[in-house]
Amino acid sequence: MSHSLSHLARSGVAIALVVLTSACDVLRSMTETTAPAPVQPSPAIRRSAPPSSTPTAPPIIVGNPFERAVSKAASATDRTRSAVTREDWDLIILLWQQAIALLNQVPRSSPNWAVAQKLLPEYQQGLQNARQLAKRGIPSTPIAVNKQAQNDTLLIVGSEPSPKPSAAPQDAASSITTLNQQQTAFFAKQKRFAVNLAELRSNLAADTPTYVYNTTTLQPNQAISTAVAKQDGLVSYTGAVFVIKNEKNQEITVAAICVTQKPSKNPPAVPQLKGKDIQCPTGMDLVKT
């Protein structure tokens, strides 16, 4: 009997050990299951390189504003002599506006700045004159342009009267103004003056019914342009462009126009440079522009 009890006791102990071992295994399993997984470091976020900026376009070189201004003004002056339609005057007004805008773009550091400041009021006056002429100078009836078969001469047909001879001096003064401007632009680019109309590439006719035009250089720092009358009762003109040194010892140009005090068909005398001012010769007056 005691042997049986002892056997039962040992069996109970064994069972208890088995149960205890199983419980430990279960607890160990639960612990391993619920234990938080180690946090892995997040991979470094690679930032994409910023897109390369689009290369900026190189600045547009518009050329010398002084040269372009003089060219625009010369074109406006030349077109004024043949303007007949509203479109003609609109273009002339636009050319003067562009010339003024270009003069305002000439930097103070430019050797042409002082000349540009002197030309500015002249160009503004040219613009004002063009606007006034546009109001009263447009033909009231359409004008037809016919081409003569024999010599390709353009004939203007319309009710407008032909220009009176009295208008010729004003045309001559405008032509000399144009030649002065073209010589100024030529010097700014070439550092010398043109020796004749051909080299100047002027579209001004050298010989007209009322005047003979010419331009040349008497010395390296002086250009002379003339309008010699061909008819009695007309005055003659001389335009002069001189090269002088400004206060910064830079070369600049000054220009003036002289007109004979009396009608003359002889080539007028040459203006002279006194200091930095141009003086008209005896028997001629300075034309205010």
C-alpha atoms as a PDB file:
ATOM      1  CA  MET A   1       0.000   0.000   0.000  1.00  0.00           C
ATOM      2  CA  SER A   2       2.717   2.454   0.877  1.00  0.00           C
ATOM      3  CA  HIS A   3       4.488   1.501  -2.299  1.00  0.00           C
ATOM      4  CA  SER A   4       1.444   2.460  -4.292  1.00  0.00           C
ATOM      5  CA  LEU A   5       1.166   5.817  -2.556  1.00  0.00           C
ATOM      6  CA  SER A   6       4.808   6.537  -3.179  1.00  0.00           C
ATOM      7  CA  HIS A   7       4.356   5.714  -6.834  1.00  0.00           C
ATOM      8  CA  LEU A   8       1.360   7.993  -7.076  1.00  0.00           C
ATOM      9  CA  ALA A   9       3.246  10.815  -5.391  1.00  0.00           C
ATOM     10  CA  ARG A  10       6.121  10.511  -7.827  1.00  0.00           C
ATOM     11  CA  SER A  11       3.669  10.470 -10.715  1.00  0.00           C
ATOM     12  CA  GLY A  12       1.969  13.629  -9.444  1.00  0.00           C
ATOM     13  CA  VAL A  13       5.270  15.397  -9.138  1.00  0.00           C
ATOM     14  CA  ALA A  14       6.192  14.397 -12.664  1.00  0.00           C
ATOM     15  CA  ILE A  15       2.885  15.629 -14.000  1.00  0.00           C
ATOM     16  CA  ALA A  16       3.312  18.919 -12.165  1.00  0.00           C
ATOM     17  CA  LEU A  17       6.781  19.337 -13.638  1.00  0.00           C
ATOM     18  CA  VAL A  18       5.447  18.648 -17.118  1.00  0.00           C
ATOM     19  CA  VAL A  19       2.648  21.182 -16.633  1.00  0.00           C
ATOM     20  CA  LEU A  20       5.074  23.772 -15.252  1.00  0.00           C
ATOM     21  CA  THR A  21       7.491  23.221 -18.126  1.00  0.00           C
ATOM     22  CA  SER A  22       4.695  23.594 -20.665  1.00  0.00           C
ATOM     23  CA  ALA A  23       3.547  26.811 -19.024  1.00  0.00           C
ATOM     24  CA  CYS A  24       7.052  28.235 -19.181  1.00  0.00           C
ATOM     25  CA  ASP A  25       7.313  27.317 -22.854  1.00  0.00           C
ATOM     26  CA  VAL A  26       3.996  29.052 -23.522  1.00  0.00           C
ATOM     27  CA  LEU A  27       5.109  32.188 -21.657  1.00  0.00           C
ATOM     28  CA  ARG A  28       8.441  32.185 -23.489  1.00  0.00           C
ATOM     29  CA  SER A  29       6.631  31.860 -26.828  1.00  0.00           C
ATOM     30  CA  MET A  30       4.280  34.714 -25.984  1.00  0.00           C
ATOM     31  CA  THR A  31       7.157  36.896 -24.929  1.00  0.00           C
ATOM     32  CA  GLU A  32       9.027  36.261 -28.157  1.00  0.00           C
ATOM     33  CA  THR A  33       5.896  36.882 -30.211  1.00  0.00           C
ATOM     34  CA  THR A  34       4.888  40.161 -28.604  1.00  0.00           C
ATOM     35  CA  ALA A  35       8.361  41.613 -28.279  1.00  0.00           C
ATOM     36  CA  PRO A  36       8.632  44.626 -30.568  1.00  0.00           C
ATOM     37  CA  ALA A  37      10.845  44.142 -33.535  1.00  0.00           C
ATOM     38  CA  PRO A  38      13.911  46.302 -33.501  1.00  0.00           C
ATOM     39  CA  VAL A  39      13.379  49.518 -35.385  1.00  0.00           C
ATOM     40  CA  GLN A  40      15.457  49.525 -38.500  1.00  0.00           C
ATOM     41  CA  PRO A  41      16.901  52.845 -39.413  1.00  0.00           C
ATOM     42  CA  SER A  42      15.027  54.321 -42.323  1.00  0.00           C
ATOM     43  CA  PRO A  43      17.098  54.584 -45.436  1.00  0.00           C
ATOM     44  CA  ALA A  44      18.376  58.012 -46.152  1.00  0.00           C
ATOM     45  CA  ILE A  45      16.030  59.924 -48.373  1.00  0.00           C
ATOM     46  CA  ARG A  46      17.874  60.932 -51.487  1.00  0.00           C
ATOM     47  CA  ARG A  47      16.780  64.272 -52.712  1.00  0.00           C
ATOM     48  CA  SER A  48      16.862  64.605 -56.417  1.00  0.00           C
ATOM     49  CA  ALA A  49      19.134  67.329 -57.615  1.00  0.00           C
ATOM     50  CA  PRO A  50      17.236  70.453 -58.601  1.00  0.00           C
ATOM     51  CA  PRO A  51      16.727  70.666 -62.325  1.00  0.00           C
ATOM     52  CA  SER A  52      19.334  72.737 -63.965  1.00  0.00           C
ATOM     53  CA  SER A  53      18.022  76.165 -64.729  1.00  0.00           C
ATOM     54  CA  THR A  54      17.389  76.927 -68.344  1.00  0.00           C
ATOM     55  CA  PRO A  55      20.303  78.957 -69.683  1.00  0.00           C
ATOM     56  CA  THR A  56      19.298  82.542 -70.175  1.00  0.00           C
ATOM     57  CA  ALA A  57      19.427  83.876 -73.670  1.00  0.00           C
ATOM     58  CA  PRO A  58      22.324  86.210 -74.350  1.00  0.00           C
ATOM     59  CA  PRO A  59      21.362  89.865 -74.459  1.00  0.00           C
ATOM     60  CA  ILE A  60      20.384  91.148 -77.851  1.00  0.00           C
ATOM     61  CA  ILE A  61      22.870  93.656 -79.142  1.00  0.00           C
ATOM     62  CA  VAL A  62      20.881  96.414 -80.728  1.00  0.00           C
ATOM     63  CA  GLY A  63      23.841  98.388 -81.987  1.00  0.00           C
ATOM     64  CA  ASN A  64      24.959 101.922 -81.280  1.00  0.00           C
ATOM     65  CA  PRO A  65      21.848 103.875 -80.193  1.00  0.00           C
ATOM     66  CA  PHE A  66      23.359 107.163 -81.363  1.00  0.00           C
ATOM     67  CA  GLU A  67      24.027 105.870 -84.878  1.00  0.00           C
ATOM     68  CA  ARG A  68      20.551 104.365 -85.086  1.00  0.00           C
ATOM     69  CA  ALA A  69      18.953 107.585 -83.830  1.00  0.00           C
ATOM     70  CA  VAL A  70      20.702 109.664 -86.487  1.00  0.00           C
ATOM     71  CA  SER A  71      19.730 107.139 -89.153  1.00  0.00           C
ATOM     72  CA  LYS A  72      16.073 107.208 -88.057  1.00  0.00           C
ATOM     73  CA  ALA A  73      16.032 111.014 -88.070  1.00  0.00           C
ATOM     74  CA  ALA A  74      17.634 111.162 -91.509  1.00  0.00           C
ATOM     75  CA  SER A  75      15.029 108.751 -92.844  1.00  0.00           C
ATOM     76  CA  ALA A  76      12.214 110.799 -91.296  1.00  0.00           C
ATOM     77  CA  THR A  77      13.570 114.004 -92.828  1.00  0.00           C
ATOM     78  CA  ASP A  78      13.950 112.394 -96.236  1.00  0.00           C
ATOM     79  CA  ARG A  79      10.442 110.900 -96.214  1.00  0.00           C
ATOM     80  CA  THR A  80       8.928 114.265 -95.252  1.00  0.00           C
ATOM     81  CA  ARG A  81       9.680 115.614 -98.724  1.00  0.00           C
ATOM     82  CA  SER A  82       7.518 112.993-100.421  1.00  0.00           C
ATOM     83  CA  ALA A  83       4.806 112.256 -97.847  1.00  0.00           C
ATOM     84  CA  VAL A  84       1.286 112.330 -99.319  1.00  0.00           C
ATOM     85  CA  THR A  85      -0.804 109.782 -97.411  1.00  0.00           C
ATOM     86  CA  ARG A  86      -1.780 109.275 -93.802  1.00  0.00           C
ATOM     87  CA  GLU A  87       0.382 106.148 -93.748  1.00  0.00           C
ATOM     88  CA  ASP A  88       3.373 108.221 -94.884  1.00  0.00           C
ATOM     89  CA  TRP A  89       2.946 110.668 -92.021  1.00  0.00           C
ATOM     90  CA  ASP A  90       2.335 107.912 -89.486  1.00  0.00           C
ATOM     91  CA  LEU A  91       5.652 106.343 -90.497  1.00  0.00           C
ATOM     92  CA  ILE A  92       7.466 109.693 -90.292  1.00  0.00           C
ATOM     93  CA  ILE A  93       6.048 110.339 -86.821  1.00  0.00           C
ATOM     94  CA  LEU A  94       7.074 106.834 -85.759  1.00  0.00           C
ATOM     95  CA  LEU A  95      10.620 107.377 -87.063  1.00  0.00           C
ATOM     96  CA  TRP A  96      10.958 110.600 -85.060  1.00  0.00           C
ATOM     97  CA  GLN A  97       9.638 108.870 -81.948  1.00  0.00           C
ATOM     98  CA  GLN A  98      12.130 106.037 -82.406  1.00  0.00           C
ATOM     99  CA  ALA A  99      14.974 108.506 -82.974  1.00  0.00           C
ATOM    100  CA  ILE A 100      14.119 110.365 -79.758  1.00  0.00           C
ATOM    101  CA  ALA A 101      13.889 107.116 -77.794  1.00  0.00           C
ATOM    102  CA  LEU A 102      17.293 106.009 -79.118  1.00  0.00           C
ATOM    103  CA  LEU A 103      18.904 109.328 -78.210  1.00  0.00           C
ATOM    104  CA  ASN A 104      17.650 108.862 -74.662  1.00  0.00           C
ATOM    105  CA  GLN A 105      19.426 105.481 -74.597  1.00  0.00           C
ATOM    106  CA  VAL A 106      22.862 106.987 -75.272  1.00  0.00           C
ATOM    107  CA  PRO A 107      24.798 106.493 -72.001  1.00  0.00           C
ATOM    108  CA  ARG A 108      26.651 109.318 -70.326  1.00  0.00           C
ATOM    109  CA  SER A 109      29.865 107.358 -70.795  1.00  0.00           C
ATOM    110  CA  SER A 110      29.477 107.549 -74.585  1.00  0.00           C
ATOM    111  CA  PRO A 111      31.552 110.161 -76.430  1.00  0.00           C
ATOM    112  CA  ASN A 112      28.362 110.984 -78.361  1.00  0.00           C
ATOM    113  CA  TRP A 113      26.321 111.784 -75.254  1.00  0.00           C
ATOM    114  CA  ALA A 114      26.826 115.560 -75.465  1.00  0.00           C
ATOM    115  CA  VAL A 115      25.882 115.583 -79.146  1.00  0.00           C
ATOM    116  CA  ALA A 116      22.828 113.454 -78.382  1.00  0.00           C
ATOM    117  CA  GLN A 117      21.669 116.019 -75.821  1.00  0.00           C
ATOM    118  CA  LYS A 118      21.996 118.779 -78.423  1.00  0.00           C
ATOM    119  CA  LEU A 119      20.117 116.771 -81.037  1.00  0.00           C
ATOM    120  CA  LEU A 120      17.300 115.828 -78.672  1.00  0.00           C
ATOM    121  CA  PRO A 121      15.401 119.158 -78.859  1.00  0.00           C
ATOM    122  CA  GLU A 122      15.906 119.204 -82.641  1.00  0.00           C
ATOM    123  CA  TYR A 123      14.364 115.755 -82.957  1.00  0.00           C
ATOM    124  CA  GLN A 124      11.505 116.747 -80.676  1.00  0.00           C
ATOM    125  CA  GLN A 125      10.889 119.750 -82.904  1.00  0.00           C
ATOM    126  CA  GLY A 126      10.981 117.458 -85.929  1.00  0.00           C
ATOM    127  CA  LEU A 127       8.331 115.268 -84.314  1.00  0.00           C
ATOM    128  CA  GLN A 128       6.156 118.288 -83.554  1.00  0.00           C
ATOM    129  CA  ASN A 129       6.494 119.581 -87.114  1.00  0.00           C
ATOM    130  CA  ALA A 130       5.598 116.167 -88.529  1.00  0.00           C
ATOM    131  CA  ARG A 131       2.438 116.037 -86.432  1.00  0.00           C
ATOM    132  CA  GLN A 132       1.427 119.501 -87.590  1.00  0.00           C
ATOM    133  CA  LEU A 133       2.131 118.706 -91.232  1.00  0.00           C
ATOM    134  CA  ALA A 134       0.213 115.455 -90.904  1.00  0.00           C
ATOM    135  CA  LYS A 135      -2.902 117.389 -89.902  1.00  0.00           C
ATOM    136  CA  ARG A 136      -2.877 119.764 -92.847  1.00  0.00           C
ATOM    137  CA  GLY A 137      -0.655 118.055 -95.399  1.00  0.00           C
ATOM    138  CA  ILE A 138      -2.795 115.040 -96.335  1.00  0.00           C
ATOM    139  CA  PRO A 139      -4.346 115.444 -99.809  1.00  0.00           C
ATOM    140  CA  SER A 140      -8.121 115.808 -99.704  1.00  0.00           C
ATOM    141  CA  THR A 141      -8.573 113.620-102.774  1.00  0.00           C
ATOM    142  CA  PRO A 142      -6.980 110.279-103.613  1.00  0.00           C
ATOM    143  CA  ILE A 143      -3.723 110.505-105.517  1.00  0.00           C
ATOM    144  CA  ALA A 144      -2.855 107.985-108.177  1.00  0.00           C
ATOM    145  CA  VAL A 145       0.689 107.138-109.112  1.00  0.00           C
ATOM    146  CA  ASN A 146       1.302 106.399-112.789  1.00  0.00           C
ATOM    147  CA  LYS A 147       4.520 105.255-114.382  1.00  0.00           C
ATOM    148  CA  GLN A 148       5.512 106.904-117.619  1.00  0.00           C
ATOM    149  CA  ALA A 149       6.388 104.194-120.101  1.00  0.00           C
ATOM    150  CA  GLN A 150       9.338 105.929-121.737  1.00  0.00           C
ATOM    151  CA  ASN A 151      11.596 106.848-118.825  1.00  0.00           C
ATOM    152  CA  ASP A 152       9.902 105.272-115.782  1.00  0.00           C
ATOM    153  CA  THR A 153       9.257 108.701-114.273  1.00  0.00           C
ATOM    154  CA  LEU A 154       6.665 108.633-111.517  1.00  0.00           C
ATOM    155  CA  LEU A 155       3.833 111.074-112.188  1.00  0.00           C
ATOM    156  CA  ILE A 156       1.556 112.170-109.365  1.00  0.00           C
ATOM    157  CA  VAL A 157      -2.008 112.680-110.587  1.00  0.00           C
ATOM    158  CA  GLY A 158      -4.480 114.501-108.360  1.00  0.00           C
ATOM    159  CA  SER A 159      -6.162 117.766-107.567  1.00  0.00           C
ATOM    160  CA  GLU A 160      -3.350 119.015-105.329  1.00  0.00           C
ATOM    161  CA  PRO A 161      -1.328 121.870-106.834  1.00  0.00           C
ATOM    162  CA  SER A 162       2.326 121.365-107.597  1.00  0.00           C
ATOM    163  CA  PRO A 163       4.793 122.606-104.971  1.00  0.00           C
ATOM    164  CA  LYS A 164       5.588 126.262-105.376  1.00  0.00           C
ATOM    165  CA  PRO A 165       9.182 127.346-105.934  1.00  0.00           C
ATOM    166  CA  SER A 166       9.047 129.182-102.595  1.00  0.00           C
ATOM    167  CA  ALA A 167       9.026 125.805-100.862  1.00  0.00           C
ATOM    168  CA  ALA A 168      12.402 124.905-102.353  1.00  0.00           C
ATOM    169  CA  PRO A 169      14.563 126.644 -99.698  1.00  0.00           C
ATOM    170  CA  GLN A 170      12.830 124.731 -96.930  1.00  0.00           C
ATOM    171  CA  ASP A 171      13.494 121.480 -98.798  1.00  0.00           C
ATOM    172  CA  ALA A 172      17.139 122.487 -99.223  1.00  0.00           C
ATOM    173  CA  ALA A 173      17.523 123.228 -95.518  1.00  0.00           C
ATOM    174  CA  SER A 174      16.016 119.836 -94.675  1.00  0.00           C
ATOM    175  CA  SER A 175      18.354 118.150 -97.136  1.00  0.00           C
ATOM    176  CA  ILE A 176      21.431 119.773 -95.582  1.00  0.00           C
ATOM    177  CA  THR A 177      20.160 118.763 -92.143  1.00  0.00           C
ATOM    178  CA  THR A 178      19.921 115.195 -93.412  1.00  0.00           C
ATOM    179  CA  LEU A 179      23.457 115.295 -94.831  1.00  0.00           C
ATOM    180  CA  ASN A 180      24.818 116.653 -91.546  1.00  0.00           C
ATOM    181  CA  GLN A 181      23.095 113.848 -89.671  1.00  0.00           C
ATOM    182  CA  GLN A 182      24.353 111.209 -92.081  1.00  0.00           C
ATOM    183  CA  GLN A 183      27.927 112.507 -91.854  1.00  0.00           C
ATOM    184  CA  THR A 184      27.647 112.471 -88.048  1.00  0.00           C
ATOM    185  CA  ALA A 185      26.490 108.855 -88.113  1.00  0.00           C
ATOM    186  CA  PHE A 186      29.215 107.936 -90.618  1.00  0.00           C
ATOM    187  CA  PHE A 187      31.906 109.422 -88.383  1.00  0.00           C
ATOM    188  CA  ALA A 188      30.543 107.669 -85.288  1.00  0.00           C
ATOM    189  CA  LYS A 189      30.956 104.354 -87.077  1.00  0.00           C
ATOM    190  CA  GLN A 190      34.006 104.893 -89.285  1.00  0.00           C
ATOM    191  CA  LYS A 191      35.901 107.521 -87.244  1.00  0.00           C
ATOM    192  CA  ARG A 192      36.133 109.645 -90.365  1.00  0.00           C
ATOM    193  CA  PHE A 193      33.794 111.515 -92.706  1.00  0.00           C
ATOM    194  CA  ALA A 194      32.515 110.362 -96.083  1.00  0.00           C
ATOM    195  CA  VAL A 195      34.217 111.981 -99.065  1.00  0.00           C
ATOM    196  CA  ASN A 196      31.120 112.125-101.290  1.00  0.00           C
ATOM    197  CA  LEU A 197      27.436 111.255-101.522  1.00  0.00           C
ATOM    198  CA  ALA A 198      28.194 107.820-102.936  1.00  0.00           C
ATOM    199  CA  GLU A 199      30.351 106.819 -99.984  1.00  0.00           C
ATOM    200  CA  LEU A 200      27.817 108.316 -97.610  1.00  0.00           C
ATOM    201  CA  ARG A 201      25.201 106.107 -99.302  1.00  0.00           C
ATOM    202  CA  SER A 202      22.732 108.934 -99.162  1.00  0.00           C
ATOM    203  CA  ASN A 203      19.524 108.539-101.125  1.00  0.00           C
ATOM    204  CA  LEU A 204      19.450 112.286-101.679  1.00  0.00           C
ATOM    205  CA  ALA A 205      19.467 113.251-105.353  1.00  0.00           C
ATOM    206  CA  ALA A 206      22.632 115.155-106.191  1.00  0.00           C
ATOM    207  CA  ASP A 207      20.930 117.270-108.864  1.00  0.00           C
ATOM    208  CA  THR A 208      17.351 118.533-108.635  1.00  0.00           C
ATOM    209  CA  PRO A 209      15.483 121.216-110.604  1.00  0.00           C
ATOM    210  CA  THR A 210      16.209 123.759-107.868  1.00  0.00           C
ATOM    211  CA  TYR A 211      19.470 122.723-106.158  1.00  0.00           C
ATOM    212  CA  VAL A 212      22.733 120.847-106.606  1.00  0.00           C
ATOM    213  CA  TYR A 213      23.817 118.924-103.504  1.00  0.00           C
ATOM    214  CA  ASN A 214      27.271 117.794-102.488  1.00  0.00           C
ATOM    215  CA  THR A 215      29.158 116.606 -99.428  1.00  0.00           C
ATOM    216  CA  THR A 216      32.890 116.223 -98.868  1.00  0.00           C
ATOM    217  CA  THR A 217      35.709 116.560 -96.339  1.00  0.00           C
ATOM    218  CA  LEU A 218      38.035 119.553 -96.326  1.00  0.00           C
ATOM    219  CA  GLN A 219      40.191 118.106 -93.555  1.00  0.00           C
ATOM    220  CA  PRO A 220      40.016 115.005 -91.357  1.00  0.00           C
ATOM    221  CA  ASN A 221      37.977 116.749 -88.659  1.00  0.00           C
ATOM    222  CA  GLN A 222      35.536 118.612 -90.900  1.00  0.00           C
ATOM    223  CA  ALA A 223      32.729 117.652 -93.299  1.00  0.00           C
ATOM    224  CA  ILE A 224      31.004 120.167 -95.558  1.00  0.00           C
ATOM    225  CA  SER A 225      27.667 119.734 -97.335  1.00  0.00           C
ATOM    226  CA  THR A 226      26.276 122.299 -99.766  1.00  0.00           C
ATOM    227  CA  ALA A 227      23.013 123.095-101.504  1.00  0.00           C
ATOM    228  CA  VAL A 228      23.734 125.480-104.379  1.00  0.00           C
ATOM    229  CA  ALA A 229      20.699 127.157-105.940  1.00  0.00           C
ATOM    230  CA  LYS A 230      20.081 126.674-109.669  1.00  0.00           C
ATOM    231  CA  GLN A 231      17.292 129.221-110.049  1.00  0.00           C
ATOM    232  CA  ASP A 232      17.181 132.954-109.521  1.00  0.00           C
ATOM    233  CA  GLY A 233      15.664 134.113-106.271  1.00  0.00           C
ATOM    234  CA  LEU A 234      16.808 131.112-104.213  1.00  0.00           C
ATOM    235  CA  VAL A 235      19.303 131.179-101.363  1.00  0.00           C
ATOM    236  CA  SER A 236      22.108 128.634-100.961  1.00  0.00           C
ATOM    237  CA  TYR A 237      23.129 126.604 -97.918  1.00  0.00           C
ATOM    238  CA  THR A 238      26.230 125.155 -96.326  1.00  0.00           C
ATOM    239  CA  GLY A 239      26.213 122.491 -93.638  1.00  0.00           C
ATOM    240  CA  ALA A 240      29.275 121.841 -91.497  1.00  0.00           C
ATOM    241  CA  VAL A 241      30.194 119.049 -89.097  1.00  0.00           C
ATOM    242  CA  PHE A 242      33.322 119.418 -86.954  1.00  0.00           C
ATOM    243  CA  VAL A 243      35.091 117.032 -84.595  1.00  0.00           C
ATOM    244  CA  ILE A 244      36.041 118.531 -81.232  1.00  0.00           C
ATOM    245  CA  LYS A 245      37.210 117.237 -77.846  1.00  0.00           C
ATOM    246  CA  ASN A 246      34.874 117.358 -74.858  1.00  0.00           C
ATOM    247  CA  GLU A 247      35.837 117.913 -71.222  1.00  0.00           C
ATOM    248  CA  LYS A 248      36.811 114.228 -70.970  1.00  0.00           C
ATOM    249  CA  ASN A 249      39.099 114.563 -73.992  1.00  0.00           C
ATOM    250  CA  GLN A 250      36.725 112.415 -76.041  1.00  0.00           C
ATOM    251  CA  GLU A 251      35.973 113.142 -79.681  1.00  0.00           C
ATOM    252  CA  ILE A 252      32.462 114.442 -80.339  1.00  0.00           C
ATOM    253  CA  THR A 253      30.844 116.165 -83.309  1.00  0.00           C
ATOM    254  CA  VAL A 254      29.125 119.543 -83.589  1.00  0.00           C
ATOM    255  CA  ALA A 255      27.062 120.622 -86.582  1.00  0.00           C
ATOM    256  CA  ALA A 256      25.489 123.779 -87.987  1.00  0.00           C
ATOM    257  CA  ILE A 257      23.845 125.123 -91.149  1.00  0.00           C
ATOM    258  CA  CYS A 258      24.498 128.514 -92.719  1.00  0.00           C
ATOM    259  CA  VAL A 259      22.334 130.231 -95.360  1.00  0.00           C
ATOM    260  CA  THR A 260      23.194 133.101 -97.672  1.00  0.00           C
ATOM    261  CA  GLN A 261      21.601 136.393 -96.693  1.00  0.00           C
ATOM    262  CA  LYS A 262      20.710 137.073-100.318  1.00  0.00           C
ATOM    263  CA  PRO A 263      19.721 134.817-103.211  1.00  0.00           C
ATOM    264  CA  SER A 264      22.823 133.247-104.690  1.00  0.00           C
ATOM    265  CA  LYS A 265      23.695 130.628-107.276  1.00  0.00           C
ATOM    266  CA  ASN A 266      27.354 130.580-106.255  1.00  0.00           C
ATOM    267  CA  PRO A 267      28.846 127.938-103.937  1.00  0.00           C
ATOM    268  CA  PRO A 268      28.626 129.413-100.422  1.00  0.00           C
ATOM    269  CA  ALA A 269      31.646 130.008 -98.227  1.00  0.00           C
ATOM    270  CA  VAL A 270      32.776 127.496 -95.615  1.00  0.00           C
ATOM    271  CA  PRO A 271      31.848 127.971 -91.923  1.00  0.00           C
ATOM    272  CA  GLN A 272      34.679 128.154 -89.407  1.00  0.00           C
ATOM    273  CA  LEU A 273      35.168 126.608 -85.982  1.00  0.00           C
ATOM    274  CA  LYS A 274      35.893 129.131 -83.238  1.00  0.00           C
ATOM    275  CA  GLY A 275      36.652 127.296 -80.025  1.00  0.00           C
ATOM    276  CA  LYS A 276      33.768 124.850 -79.803  1.00  0.00           C
ATOM    277  CA  ASP A 277      31.286 126.975 -81.771  1.00  0.00           C
ATOM    278  CA  ILE A 278      30.662 127.096 -85.506  1.00  0.00           C
ATOM    279  CA  GLN A 279      30.562 130.571 -87.041  1.00  0.00           C
ATOM    280  CA  CYS A 280      29.037 131.369 -90.401  1.00  0.00           C
ATOM    281  CA  PRO A 281      31.117 133.359 -92.891  1.00  0.00           C
ATOM    282  CA  THR A 282      30.358 136.934 -93.855  1.00  0.00           C
ATOM    283  CA  GLY A 283      27.161 137.231 -95.858  1.00  0.00           C
ATOM    284  CA  MET A 284      25.591 134.126 -94.287  1.00  0.00           C
ATOM    285  CA  ASP A 285      23.361 133.564 -91.268  1.00  0.00           C
ATOM    286  CA  LEU A 286      23.083 130.618 -88.914  1.00  0.00           C
ATOM    287  CA  VAL A 287      19.974 128.505 -89.514  1.00  0.00           C
ATOM    288  CA  LYS A 288      18.146 127.766 -86.287  1.00  0.00           C
ATOM    289  CA  THR A 289      17.066 124.134 -86.160  1.00  0.00           C
END
